[in-house]
Amino acid sequence: MSRMSASAVSAHPDGVMLRVWVVPRSSRSEISGRHGDKIKVRVMAPPESGRANEEVRRLLFRRLGVDVELVSGATGREKVFLARDIELEEVVGKLAR
């Protein structure tokens, strides 16, 4: 992902907050760039019973290697996740891959 928007990721006392735009029912699951000032994440799961949220959480966990928790946006496309026990610079580096 080229140049992370400052508002897409921000430092938090417990780690890093990530603002995410989710596209459910995609052909594959991936972190696919940016959507305005958010990280764009495509997931194959449908937005039913929290399945898309869980797939986004697992995808972020695999990329970042730390616990990731949904903080807000459980029913909308715009979500905020908290990646715990990681520094902002490390998140930016791992998302740039």
N, C-alpha and C. Protein backbone atom coordinates (compact mmCIF):
# COMPACT_ATOMS: atom_id res chain seq x y z
N MET A 1 0.86 -1.16 0.00
CA MET A 1 0.00 0.00 0.00
C MET A 1 0.90 1.22 0.00
N SER A 2 0.69 2.11 -0.94
CA SER A 2 1.53 3.30 -1.02
C SER A 2 1.08 4.33 0.00
N ARG A 3 2.00 5.06 0.55
CA ARG A 3 1.79 6.13 1.52
C ARG A 3 0.48 6.07 2.29
N MET A 4 0.59 5.63 3.50
CA MET A 4 -0.58 5.48 4.38
C MET A 4 -1.07 6.86 4.81
N SER A 5 -2.35 7.11 4.69
CA SER A 5 -2.96 8.35 5.15
C SER A 5 -2.81 8.44 6.67
N ALA A 6 -2.48 9.62 7.14
CA ALA A 6 -2.30 9.82 8.58
C ALA A 6 -3.59 9.54 9.34
N SER A 7 -4.74 9.75 8.72
CA SER A 7 -5.98 9.50 9.43
C SER A 7 -6.42 8.03 9.35
N ALA A 8 -5.81 7.24 8.47
CA ALA A 8 -6.15 5.82 8.37
C ALA A 8 -5.58 5.04 9.54
N VAL A 9 -4.42 5.45 10.03
CA VAL A 9 -3.80 4.81 11.18
C VAL A 9 -3.37 5.89 12.16
N SER A 10 -3.57 5.63 13.44
CA SER A 10 -3.17 6.62 14.44
C SER A 10 -2.76 5.90 15.72
N ALA A 11 -1.83 6.52 16.41
CA ALA A 11 -1.33 5.96 17.66
C ALA A 11 -2.43 5.98 18.72
N HIS A 12 -2.39 4.99 19.59
CA HIS A 12 -3.34 4.84 20.69
C HIS A 12 -2.52 4.32 21.88
N PRO A 13 -2.91 4.63 23.11
CA PRO A 13 -2.12 4.14 24.27
C PRO A 13 -1.95 2.62 24.29
N ASP A 14 -2.89 1.86 23.73
CA ASP A 14 -2.80 0.40 23.72
C ASP A 14 -2.26 -0.18 22.42
N GLY A 15 -1.94 0.67 21.44
CA GLY A 15 -1.45 0.19 20.16
C GLY A 15 -1.70 1.18 19.06
N VAL A 16 -2.43 0.73 18.02
CA VAL A 16 -2.70 1.58 16.85
C VAL A 16 -4.15 1.40 16.42
N MET A 17 -4.82 2.52 16.15
CA MET A 17 -6.18 2.50 15.62
C MET A 17 -6.10 2.48 14.10
N LEU A 18 -6.93 1.64 13.47
CA LEU A 18 -6.97 1.53 12.02
C LEU A 18 -8.39 1.82 11.55
N ARG A 19 -8.53 2.82 10.68
CA ARG A 19 -9.83 3.12 10.07
C ARG A 19 -9.91 2.33 8.78
N VAL A 20 -10.96 1.53 8.64
CA VAL A 20 -11.06 0.57 7.55
C VAL A 20 -12.38 0.75 6.80
N TRP A 21 -12.33 0.62 5.48
CA TRP A 21 -13.53 0.57 4.63
C TRP A 21 -13.62 -0.85 4.11
N VAL A 22 -14.71 -1.53 4.39
CA VAL A 22 -14.84 -2.96 4.06
C VAL A 22 -15.74 -3.16 2.85
N VAL A 23 -15.28 -4.01 1.94
CA VAL A 23 -16.07 -4.41 0.78
C VAL A 23 -16.35 -5.91 0.94
N PRO A 24 -17.55 -6.27 1.41
CA PRO A 24 -17.88 -7.69 1.59
C PRO A 24 -18.22 -8.36 0.27
N ARG A 25 -18.29 -9.69 0.31
CA ARG A 25 -18.64 -10.51 -0.86
C ARG A 25 -17.73 -10.24 -2.06
N SER A 26 -16.45 -10.04 -1.80
CA SER A 26 -15.48 -9.85 -2.88
C SER A 26 -15.01 -11.19 -3.41
N SER A 27 -14.33 -11.19 -4.53
CA SER A 27 -13.84 -12.43 -5.11
C SER A 27 -12.67 -13.01 -4.33
N ARG A 28 -11.98 -12.17 -3.55
CA ARG A 28 -10.91 -12.64 -2.67
C ARG A 28 -10.76 -11.69 -1.49
N SER A 29 -10.09 -12.17 -0.45
CA SER A 29 -9.87 -11.35 0.74
C SER A 29 -8.47 -10.76 0.67
N GLU A 30 -8.41 -9.41 0.81
CA GLU A 30 -7.11 -8.74 0.71
C GLU A 30 -7.21 -7.31 1.23
N ILE A 31 -6.07 -6.79 1.62
CA ILE A 31 -5.95 -5.37 1.90
C ILE A 31 -5.60 -4.76 0.55
N SER A 32 -6.50 -3.94 0.02
CA SER A 32 -6.35 -3.56 -1.38
C SER A 32 -6.01 -2.10 -1.64
N GLY A 33 -5.59 -1.37 -0.65
CA GLY A 33 -5.21 0.02 -0.87
C GLY A 33 -5.95 0.96 0.05
N ARG A 34 -6.41 2.07 -0.53
CA ARG A 34 -7.10 3.08 0.26
C ARG A 34 -8.46 3.38 -0.32
N HIS A 35 -9.33 3.83 0.54
CA HIS A 35 -10.65 4.35 0.15
C HIS A 35 -10.76 5.68 0.87
N GLY A 36 -10.42 6.76 0.20
CA GLY A 36 -10.36 8.06 0.86
C GLY A 36 -9.29 8.05 1.93
N ASP A 37 -9.68 8.31 3.16
CA ASP A 37 -8.72 8.34 4.27
C ASP A 37 -8.78 7.06 5.10
N LYS A 38 -9.23 5.96 4.47
CA LYS A 38 -9.33 4.68 5.18
C LYS A 38 -8.56 3.60 4.43
N ILE A 39 -8.27 2.52 5.13
CA ILE A 39 -7.65 1.35 4.52
C ILE A 39 -8.77 0.53 3.89
N LYS A 40 -8.63 0.19 2.62
CA LYS A 40 -9.66 -0.59 1.93
C LYS A 40 -9.35 -2.07 2.08
N VAL A 41 -10.33 -2.81 2.60
CA VAL A 41 -10.17 -4.25 2.80
C VAL A 41 -11.33 -4.96 2.10
N ARG A 42 -11.00 -5.88 1.22
CA ARG A 42 -12.00 -6.70 0.54
C ARG A 42 -12.04 -8.06 1.23
N VAL A 43 -13.24 -8.55 1.49
CA VAL A 43 -13.37 -9.87 2.09
C VAL A 43 -14.41 -10.68 1.33
N MET A 44 -14.21 -11.98 1.29
CA MET A 44 -15.14 -12.87 0.61
C MET A 44 -16.41 -13.08 1.41
N ALA A 45 -16.35 -12.93 2.71
CA ALA A 45 -17.49 -13.19 3.59
C ALA A 45 -18.61 -12.18 3.36
N PRO A 46 -19.84 -12.63 3.56
CA PRO A 46 -20.99 -11.71 3.48
C PRO A 46 -21.11 -10.91 4.78
N PRO A 47 -21.80 -9.77 4.71
CA PRO A 47 -21.96 -8.94 5.92
C PRO A 47 -23.12 -9.44 6.78
N GLU A 48 -23.09 -10.70 7.14
CA GLU A 48 -24.17 -11.30 7.92
C GLU A 48 -23.60 -11.96 9.16
N SER A 49 -24.25 -11.76 10.27
CA SER A 49 -23.87 -12.39 11.54
C SER A 49 -22.42 -12.12 11.92
N GLY A 50 -21.89 -10.97 11.53
CA GLY A 50 -20.52 -10.61 11.90
C GLY A 50 -19.44 -11.35 11.14
N ARG A 51 -19.80 -12.09 10.09
CA ARG A 51 -18.79 -12.89 9.37
C ARG A 51 -17.77 -12.02 8.65
N ALA A 52 -18.21 -10.94 8.01
CA ALA A 52 -17.26 -10.04 7.33
C ALA A 52 -16.34 -9.38 8.35
N ASN A 53 -16.90 -8.96 9.48
CA ASN A 53 -16.07 -8.33 10.53
C ASN A 53 -14.98 -9.29 11.00
N GLU A 54 -15.34 -10.53 11.22
CA GLU A 54 -14.37 -11.52 11.70
C GLU A 54 -13.30 -11.79 10.63
N GLU A 55 -13.70 -11.82 9.37
CA GLU A 55 -12.71 -12.04 8.32
C GLU A 55 -11.74 -10.86 8.22
N VAL A 56 -12.23 -9.64 8.37
CA VAL A 56 -11.35 -8.47 8.38
C VAL A 56 -10.39 -8.56 9.57
N ARG A 57 -10.92 -8.90 10.73
CA ARG A 57 -10.07 -9.02 11.92
C ARG A 57 -8.97 -10.05 11.71
N ARG A 58 -9.32 -11.21 11.16
CA ARG A 58 -8.31 -12.26 10.91
C ARG A 58 -7.28 -11.82 9.88
N LEU A 59 -7.72 -11.13 8.85
CA LEU A 59 -6.81 -10.64 7.82
C LEU A 59 -5.81 -9.64 8.40
N LEU A 60 -6.30 -8.72 9.23
CA LEU A 60 -5.41 -7.75 9.88
C LEU A 60 -4.47 -8.46 10.85
N PHE A 61 -4.97 -9.44 11.59
CA PHE A 61 -4.14 -10.21 12.51
C PHE A 61 -2.99 -10.89 11.76
N ARG A 62 -3.31 -11.53 10.64
CA ARG A 62 -2.27 -12.22 9.85
C ARG A 62 -1.22 -11.24 9.33
N ARG A 63 -1.64 -10.06 8.90
CA ARG A 63 -0.71 -9.08 8.35
C ARG A 63 0.14 -8.44 9.45
N LEU A 64 -0.49 -8.12 10.58
CA LEU A 64 0.20 -7.37 11.64
C LEU A 64 0.85 -8.26 12.68
N GLY A 65 0.32 -9.46 12.89
CA GLY A 65 0.90 -10.37 13.87
C GLY A 65 0.58 -10.05 15.32
N VAL A 66 -0.45 -9.24 15.54
CA VAL A 66 -0.87 -8.89 16.90
C VAL A 66 -2.39 -8.97 16.99
N ASP A 67 -2.89 -9.01 18.24
CA ASP A 67 -4.33 -9.06 18.48
C ASP A 67 -4.99 -7.82 17.89
N VAL A 68 -6.09 -8.01 17.18
CA VAL A 68 -6.84 -6.91 16.56
C VAL A 68 -8.29 -7.02 17.01
N GLU A 69 -8.83 -5.90 17.46
CA GLU A 69 -10.18 -5.88 18.01
C GLU A 69 -11.04 -4.84 17.30
N LEU A 70 -12.27 -5.20 16.94
CA LEU A 70 -13.21 -4.26 16.36
C LEU A 70 -13.69 -3.31 17.46
N VAL A 71 -13.50 -2.01 17.25
CA VAL A 71 -13.86 -1.00 18.24
C VAL A 71 -15.18 -0.33 17.90
N SER A 72 -15.40 -0.06 16.60
CA SER A 72 -16.66 0.55 16.20
C SER A 72 -16.96 0.22 14.75
N GLY A 73 -18.25 0.34 14.38
CA GLY A 73 -18.67 0.12 13.02
C GLY A 73 -19.11 -1.30 12.73
N ALA A 74 -19.62 -2.00 13.71
CA ALA A 74 -19.99 -3.41 13.54
C ALA A 74 -21.00 -3.64 12.42
N THR A 75 -21.86 -2.67 12.13
CA THR A 75 -22.90 -2.90 11.12
C THR A 75 -22.72 -2.07 9.85
N GLY A 76 -21.67 -1.27 9.76
CA GLY A 76 -21.46 -0.46 8.56
C GLY A 76 -20.19 -0.87 7.84
N ARG A 77 -19.95 -0.24 6.70
CA ARG A 77 -18.72 -0.53 5.95
C ARG A 77 -17.50 0.14 6.56
N GLU A 78 -17.71 1.28 7.21
CA GLU A 78 -16.62 2.00 7.85
C GLU A 78 -16.44 1.46 9.26
N LYS A 79 -15.24 0.98 9.56
CA LYS A 79 -14.97 0.34 10.85
C LYS A 79 -13.68 0.89 11.45
N VAL A 80 -13.56 0.75 12.75
CA VAL A 80 -12.32 1.10 13.44
C VAL A 80 -11.87 -0.12 14.22
N PHE A 81 -10.62 -0.51 13.98
CA PHE A 81 -10.01 -1.63 14.69
C PHE A 81 -8.86 -1.11 15.54
N LEU A 82 -8.61 -1.79 16.65
CA LEU A 82 -7.46 -1.50 17.49
C LEU A 82 -6.49 -2.67 17.40
N ALA A 83 -5.29 -2.38 16.92
CA ALA A 83 -4.22 -3.38 16.90
C ALA A 83 -3.42 -3.15 18.18
N ARG A 84 -3.43 -4.14 19.06
CA ARG A 84 -2.81 -3.99 20.39
C ARG A 84 -1.32 -4.32 20.39
N ASP A 85 -0.60 -3.60 21.25
CA ASP A 85 0.82 -3.88 21.52
C ASP A 85 1.69 -3.84 20.26
N ILE A 86 1.51 -2.78 19.47
CA ILE A 86 2.32 -2.58 18.27
C ILE A 86 2.48 -1.07 18.09
N GLU A 87 3.59 -0.67 17.50
CA GLU A 87 3.88 0.75 17.28
C GLU A 87 3.37 1.19 15.91
N LEU A 88 3.07 2.46 15.80
CA LEU A 88 2.54 3.03 14.57
C LEU A 88 3.45 2.77 13.36
N GLU A 89 4.74 2.98 13.53
CA GLU A 89 5.69 2.79 12.42
C GLU A 89 5.70 1.34 11.94
N GLU A 90 5.56 0.41 12.86
CA GLU A 90 5.55 -1.01 12.50
C GLU A 90 4.29 -1.34 11.69
N VAL A 91 3.15 -0.79 12.09
CA VAL A 91 1.90 -1.02 11.36
C VAL A 91 2.02 -0.46 9.95
N VAL A 92 2.51 0.75 9.82
CA VAL A 92 2.64 1.38 8.51
C VAL A 92 3.56 0.52 7.62
N GLY A 93 4.66 0.04 8.16
CA GLY A 93 5.56 -0.82 7.40
C GLY A 93 4.92 -2.12 6.96
N LYS A 94 4.19 -2.76 7.86
CA LYS A 94 3.56 -4.04 7.54
C LYS A 94 2.41 -3.89 6.56
N LEU A 95 1.70 -2.76 6.61
CA LEU A 95 0.61 -2.55 5.67
C LEU A 95 1.12 -2.15 4.29
N ALA A 96 2.34 -1.62 4.24
CA ALA A 96 2.91 -1.19 2.96
C ALA A 96 3.34 -2.36 2.10
N ARG A 97 3.45 -3.56 2.66
CA ARG A 97 3.90 -4.73 1.90
C ARG A 97 2.88 -5.15 0.87
